[in-house]
Amino acid sequence: MPNPKHKHSRARRDQRRTAKVKIVPPGFSLCPQCHELKLPHRVCLNCGTYKGKAIIAVEES
C-alpha cells in the first residue's frame, strides 16, 4: 500500500477539501395558485396549497 513521501501542509489539505463542498442554492419553483416562489414538493407557505388542495390555513395580512 502506498504511503505519502512528504507531509502536505494544512492549507494544501484544506484547499483540496473545499472543492468538494460546494454550496448550491435550493431550486425554487412557482406555486400554480399564487405564483410565488416555493420549494418543490412542499406546501406553499404563501397560500397554503399543495397540488391544488388547501392543506394549511394561512392568515391574510
C-alpha atoms as a PDB file:
ATOM      1  CA  MET A   1       0.000   0.000   0.000  1.00  0.00           C
ATOM      2  CA  PRO A   2       1.456   3.383  -0.973  1.00  0.00           C
ATOM      3  CA  ASN A   3       2.443   5.847   1.724  1.00  0.00           C
ATOM      4  CA  PRO A   4       2.992   9.585   1.376  1.00  0.00           C
ATOM      5  CA  LYS A   5       6.634  10.594   0.860  1.00  0.00           C
ATOM      6  CA  HIS A   6       6.217  14.162   2.152  1.00  0.00           C
ATOM      7  CA  LYS A   7       3.866  15.894   4.551  1.00  0.00           C
ATOM      8  CA  HIS A   8       1.283  18.179   2.972  1.00  0.00           C
ATOM      9  CA  SER A   9       0.552  21.418   4.781  1.00  0.00           C
ATOM     10  CA  ARG A  10      -2.821  22.138   6.386  1.00  0.00           C
ATOM     11  CA  ALA A  11      -3.504  24.820   3.787  1.00  0.00           C
ATOM     12  CA  ARG A  12      -2.938  22.400   0.909  1.00  0.00           C
ATOM     13  CA  ARG A  13      -5.127  19.771   2.570  1.00  0.00           C
ATOM     14  CA  ASP A  14      -7.933  22.266   3.187  1.00  0.00           C
ATOM     15  CA  GLN A  15      -7.776  23.615  -0.366  1.00  0.00           C
ATOM     16  CA  ARG A  16      -8.362  20.112  -1.659  1.00  0.00           C
ATOM     17  CA  ARG A  17     -11.316  19.592   0.671  1.00  0.00           C
ATOM     18  CA  THR A  18     -13.105  22.839  -0.198  1.00  0.00           C
ATOM     19  CA  ALA A  19     -13.540  21.833  -3.832  1.00  0.00           C
ATOM     20  CA  LYS A  20     -15.897  19.027  -2.774  1.00  0.00           C
ATOM     21  CA  VAL A  21     -18.120  21.179  -0.572  1.00  0.00           C
ATOM     22  CA  LYS A  22     -19.941  23.471  -2.957  1.00  0.00           C
ATOM     23  CA  ILE A  23     -22.948  25.330  -1.652  1.00  0.00           C
ATOM     24  CA  VAL A  24     -25.815  25.088  -4.133  1.00  0.00           C
ATOM     25  CA  PRO A  25     -28.917  27.212  -3.592  1.00  0.00           C
ATOM     26  CA  PRO A  26     -32.171  25.240  -3.496  1.00  0.00           C
ATOM     27  CA  GLY A  27     -34.138  25.029  -6.725  1.00  0.00           C
ATOM     28  CA  PHE A  28     -37.323  27.035  -6.371  1.00  0.00           C
ATOM     29  CA  SER A  29     -40.495  26.564  -8.373  1.00  0.00           C
ATOM     30  CA  LEU A  30     -43.568  28.728  -8.850  1.00  0.00           C
ATOM     31  CA  CYS A  31     -46.755  27.988  -6.965  1.00  0.00           C
ATOM     32  CA  PRO A  32     -49.538  27.335  -9.516  1.00  0.00           C
ATOM     33  CA  GLN A  33     -52.134  29.057  -7.284  1.00  0.00           C
ATOM     34  CA  CYS A  34     -50.464  32.302  -6.164  1.00  0.00           C
ATOM     35  CA  HIS A  35     -47.342  32.309  -8.423  1.00  0.00           C
ATOM     36  CA  GLU A  36     -44.950  32.837  -5.513  1.00  0.00           C
ATOM     37  CA  LEU A  37     -41.595  31.066  -5.187  1.00  0.00           C
ATOM     38  CA  LYS A  38     -41.702  27.860  -3.148  1.00  0.00           C
ATOM     39  CA  LEU A  39     -39.627  24.731  -2.648  1.00  0.00           C
ATOM     40  CA  PRO A  40     -40.720  21.852  -4.885  1.00  0.00           C
ATOM     41  CA  HIS A  41     -42.812  19.049  -3.320  1.00  0.00           C
ATOM     42  CA  ARG A  42     -43.668  21.275  -0.342  1.00  0.00           C
ATOM     43  CA  VAL A  43     -46.751  23.201   0.769  1.00  0.00           C
ATOM     44  CA  CYS A  44     -46.748  26.816  -0.410  1.00  0.00           C
ATOM     45  CA  LEU A  45     -46.275  28.991   2.654  1.00  0.00           C
ATOM     46  CA  ASN A  46     -47.957  31.963   0.987  1.00  0.00           C
ATOM     47  CA  CYS A  47     -51.336  30.409   0.099  1.00  0.00           C
ATOM     48  CA  GLY A  48     -51.158  27.044   1.951  1.00  0.00           C
ATOM     49  CA  THR A  49     -51.911  24.796  -1.030  1.00  0.00           C
ATOM     50  CA  TYR A  50     -50.268  21.630  -2.324  1.00  0.00           C
ATOM     51  CA  LYS A  51     -51.229  20.068  -5.672  1.00  0.00           C
ATOM     52  CA  GLY A  52     -54.243  22.373  -5.889  1.00  0.00           C
ATOM     53  CA  LYS A  53     -55.683  21.433  -2.482  1.00  0.00           C
ATOM     54  CA  ALA A  54     -55.777  23.663   0.614  1.00  0.00           C
ATOM     55  CA  ILE A  55     -53.591  21.981   3.245  1.00  0.00           C
ATOM     56  CA  ILE A  56     -52.938  24.660   5.863  1.00  0.00           C
ATOM     57  CA  ALA A  57     -54.930  27.724   6.800  1.00  0.00           C
ATOM     58  CA  VAL A  58     -52.958  30.907   6.177  1.00  0.00           C
ATOM     59  CA  GLU A  59     -53.959  34.186   7.804  1.00  0.00           C
ATOM     60  CA  GLU A  60     -54.342  37.132   5.427  1.00  0.00           C
ATOM     61  CA  SER A  61     -52.274  40.120   6.437  1.00  0.00           C
END
